[in-house]
C-alpha atoms as a PDB file:
ATOM      1  CA  UNK A   1     -10.570   6.032  11.497  1.00  0.00           C
ATOM      2  CA  UNK A   2      -9.024   6.107   7.966  1.00  0.00           C
ATOM      3  CA  UNK A   3      -5.433   5.543   6.835  1.00  0.00           C
ATOM      4  CA  UNK A   4      -3.236   5.630   3.781  1.00  0.00           C
ATOM      5  CA  UNK A   5      -1.106   2.502   3.504  1.00  0.00           C
ATOM      6  CA  UNK A   6       2.008   2.526   1.324  1.00  0.00           C
ATOM      7  CA  UNK A   7       4.389  -0.103   0.054  1.00  0.00           C
ATOM      8  CA  UNK A   8       7.073  -0.236  -2.634  1.00  0.00           C
ATOM      9  CA  UNK A   9       8.126  -3.024  -4.978  1.00  0.00           C
ATOM     10  CA  UNK A  10      10.488  -3.323  -7.943  1.00  0.00           C
ATOM     11  CA  UNK A  11       7.862  -4.940 -10.171  1.00  0.00           C
ATOM     12  CA  UNK A  12       4.846  -3.260 -11.760  1.00  0.00           C
ATOM     13  CA  UNK A  13       3.226  -6.685 -12.068  1.00  0.00           C
ATOM     14  CA  UNK A  14       3.667  -7.332  -8.336  1.00  0.00           C
ATOM     15  CA  UNK A  15       2.292  -3.875  -7.472  1.00  0.00           C
ATOM     16  CA  UNK A  16      -0.770  -4.524  -9.635  1.00  0.00           C
ATOM     17  CA  UNK A  17      -1.230  -8.069  -8.309  1.00  0.00           C
ATOM     18  CA  UNK A  18      -1.180  -7.012  -4.658  1.00  0.00           C
ATOM     19  CA  UNK A  19      -3.375  -3.986  -5.307  1.00  0.00           C
ATOM     20  CA  UNK A  20      -5.933  -6.136  -7.134  1.00  0.00           C
ATOM     21  CA  UNK A  21      -5.990  -8.786  -4.397  1.00  0.00           C
ATOM     22  CA  UNK A  22      -6.651  -6.086  -1.799  1.00  0.00           C
ATOM     23  CA  UNK A  23      -9.383  -4.519  -3.938  1.00  0.00           C
ATOM     24  CA  UNK A  24     -11.008  -7.897  -4.613  1.00  0.00           C
ATOM     25  CA  UNK A  25     -11.067  -8.645  -0.884  1.00  0.00           C
ATOM     26  CA  UNK A  26     -12.499  -5.143  -0.244  1.00  0.00           C
ATOM     27  CA  UNK A  27      -9.623  -4.416   2.145  1.00  0.00           C
ATOM     28  CA  UNK A  28      -8.822  -1.123   0.396  1.00  0.00           C
ATOM     29  CA  UNK A  29     -10.949   1.393  -1.495  1.00  0.00           C
ATOM     30  CA  UNK A  30      -8.253   2.220  -4.053  1.00  0.00           C
ATOM     31  CA  UNK A  31      -4.681   1.429  -5.058  1.00  0.00           C
ATOM     32  CA  UNK A  32      -2.605   4.066  -6.822  1.00  0.00           C
ATOM     33  CA  UNK A  33       0.690   3.021  -8.431  1.00  0.00           C
ATOM     34  CA  UNK A  34       3.530   5.479  -9.087  1.00  0.00           C
ATOM     35  CA  UNK A  35       6.956   4.900 -10.661  1.00  0.00           C
ATOM     36  CA  UNK A  36       9.692   6.077  -8.262  1.00  0.00           C
ATOM     37  CA  UNK A  37      13.479   6.043  -7.940  1.00  0.00           C
ATOM     38  CA  UNK A  38      14.585   4.779  -4.526  1.00  0.00           C
ATOM     39  CA  UNK A  39      17.953   5.435  -2.867  1.00  0.00           C
ATOM     40  CA  UNK A  40      18.698   3.427   0.282  1.00  0.00           C
ATOM     41  CA  UNK A  41      21.230   1.387   2.234  1.00  0.00           C
ATOM     42  CA  UNK A  42      20.871  -2.412   2.204  1.00  0.00           C
ATOM     43  CA  UNK A  43      23.456  -4.772   3.746  1.00  0.00           C
ATOM     44  CA  UNK A  44      25.784  -1.786   4.282  1.00  0.00           C
ATOM     45  CA  UNK A  45      25.730  -0.862   0.587  1.00  0.00           C
ATOM     46  CA  UNK A  46      24.262   2.211  -1.102  1.00  0.00           C
ATOM     47  CA  UNK A  47      21.601   1.190  -3.607  1.00  0.00           C
ATOM     48  CA  UNK A  48      19.471   2.831  -6.273  1.00  0.00           C
ATOM     49  CA  UNK A  49      16.434   1.010  -7.621  1.00  0.00           C
ATOM     50  CA  UNK A  50      13.570   1.849  -9.922  1.00  0.00           C
ATOM     51  CA  UNK A  51      10.465   0.881  -7.987  1.00  0.00           C
ATOM     52  CA  UNK A  52       6.718   1.299  -7.843  1.00  0.00           C
ATOM     53  CA  UNK A  53       5.022   2.924  -4.857  1.00  0.00           C
ATOM     54  CA  UNK A  54       1.505   1.739  -4.130  1.00  0.00           C
ATOM     55  CA  UNK A  55      -0.678   3.971  -1.966  1.00  0.00           C
ATOM     56  CA  UNK A  56      -4.054   2.775  -0.739  1.00  0.00           C
ATOM     57  CA  UNK A  57      -6.866   4.237   1.332  1.00  0.00           C
ATOM     58  CA  UNK A  58      -8.758   2.130   3.856  1.00  0.00           C
ATOM     59  CA  UNK A  59     -10.117   1.909   7.382  1.00  0.00           C
ATOM     60  CA  UNK A  60      -7.539   1.864  10.169  1.00  0.00           C
ATOM     61  CA  UNK A  61      -9.001  -1.362  11.581  1.00  0.00           C
ATOM     62  CA  UNK A  62      -8.127  -3.195   8.326  1.00  0.00           C
ATOM     63  CA  UNK A  63      -4.378  -2.468   8.523  1.00  0.00           C
ATOM     64  CA  UNK A  64      -3.318  -5.879   9.909  1.00  0.00           C
ATOM     65  CA  UNK A  65      -5.293  -7.716   7.210  1.00  0.00           C
ATOM     66  CA  UNK A  66      -3.793  -5.505   4.477  1.00  0.00           C
ATOM     67  CA  UNK A  67      -0.305  -6.002   5.921  1.00  0.00           C
ATOM     68  CA  UNK A  68      -0.785  -9.801   5.900  1.00  0.00           C
ATOM     69  CA  UNK A  69      -1.824  -9.841   2.225  1.00  0.00           C
ATOM     70  CA  UNK A  70       1.123  -7.636   1.239  1.00  0.00           C
ATOM     71  CA  UNK A  71       3.620  -9.847   3.099  1.00  0.00           C
ATOM     72  CA  UNK A  72       2.135 -13.036   1.611  1.00  0.00           C
ATOM     73  CA  UNK A  73       2.490 -11.704  -1.940  1.00  0.00           C
ATOM     74  CA  UNK A  74       5.589  -9.485  -1.773  1.00  0.00           C
ATOM     75  CA  UNK A  75       8.981 -10.604  -3.076  1.00  0.00           C
ATOM     76  CA  UNK A  76      11.177  -8.453  -0.795  1.00  0.00           C
ATOM     77  CA  UNK A  77      12.846  -9.914   2.284  1.00  0.00           C
ATOM     78  CA  UNK A  78      11.809  -6.760   4.161  1.00  0.00           C
ATOM     79  CA  UNK A  79       8.852  -4.972   2.613  1.00  0.00           C
ATOM     80  CA  UNK A  80       8.185  -1.319   3.321  1.00  0.00           C
ATOM     81  CA  UNK A  81       4.646  -1.258   4.712  1.00  0.00           C
ATOM     82  CA  UNK A  82       3.612   2.059   6.223  1.00  0.00           C
ATOM     83  CA  UNK A  83       0.281   3.269   7.565  1.00  0.00           C
ATOM     84  CA  UNK A  84      -0.358   7.005   7.864  1.00  0.00           C
ATOM     85  CA  UNK A  85      -3.478   8.435   9.522  1.00  0.00           C
ATOM     86  CA  UNK A  86      -5.778  10.576   7.399  1.00  0.00           C
ATOM     87  CA  UNK A  87      -6.851  13.294   9.805  1.00  0.00           C
ATOM     88  CA  UNK A  88      -8.753  15.594   7.477  1.00  0.00           C
ATOM     89  CA  UNK A  89     -10.679  15.148   4.270  1.00  0.00           C
ATOM     90  CA  UNK A  90     -13.998  15.533   2.548  1.00  0.00           C
ATOM     91  CA  UNK A  91     -16.735  13.596   4.310  1.00  0.00           C
ATOM     92  CA  UNK A  92     -17.907  12.290   0.922  1.00  0.00           C
ATOM     93  CA  UNK A  93     -14.447  10.803   0.358  1.00  0.00           C
ATOM     94  CA  UNK A  94     -14.495   9.144   3.776  1.00  0.00           C
ATOM     95  CA  UNK A  95     -17.983   7.783   3.093  1.00  0.00           C
ATOM     96  CA  UNK A  96     -16.700   6.311  -0.192  1.00  0.00           C
ATOM     97  CA  UNK A  97     -13.818   4.553   1.639  1.00  0.00           C
ATOM     98  CA  UNK A  98     -16.276   3.244   4.230  1.00  0.00           C
ATOM     99  CA  UNK A  99     -18.705   1.990   1.585  1.00  0.00           C
ATOM    100  CA  UNK A 100     -15.971   0.435  -0.581  1.00  0.00           C
ATOM    101  CA  UNK A 101     -14.365  -1.699   2.138  1.00  0.00           C
ATOM    102  CA  UNK A 102     -15.501  -4.470   4.475  1.00  0.00           C
END
């Protein structure tokens, strides 16, 4: 019923912008932003980038709407957008997610 959605971007401003849009639309209950160092392969080249990981909690049924907002506002050609199920947690926390989203 509940998921954690994650995406990464190379801009703190973009991470904040997308997180705030999703919060304003009540599509997520929270958006947490962490500085990370990413190592990956892009166009057959090894890359290292300083990025920002945004993790958000929401209802599973809102994933497609969240994904659409991220894609519409993200600067990457291919954005990392991942949804992970939250199987266990405090019922008060789940109630808060439910009450904080549409």
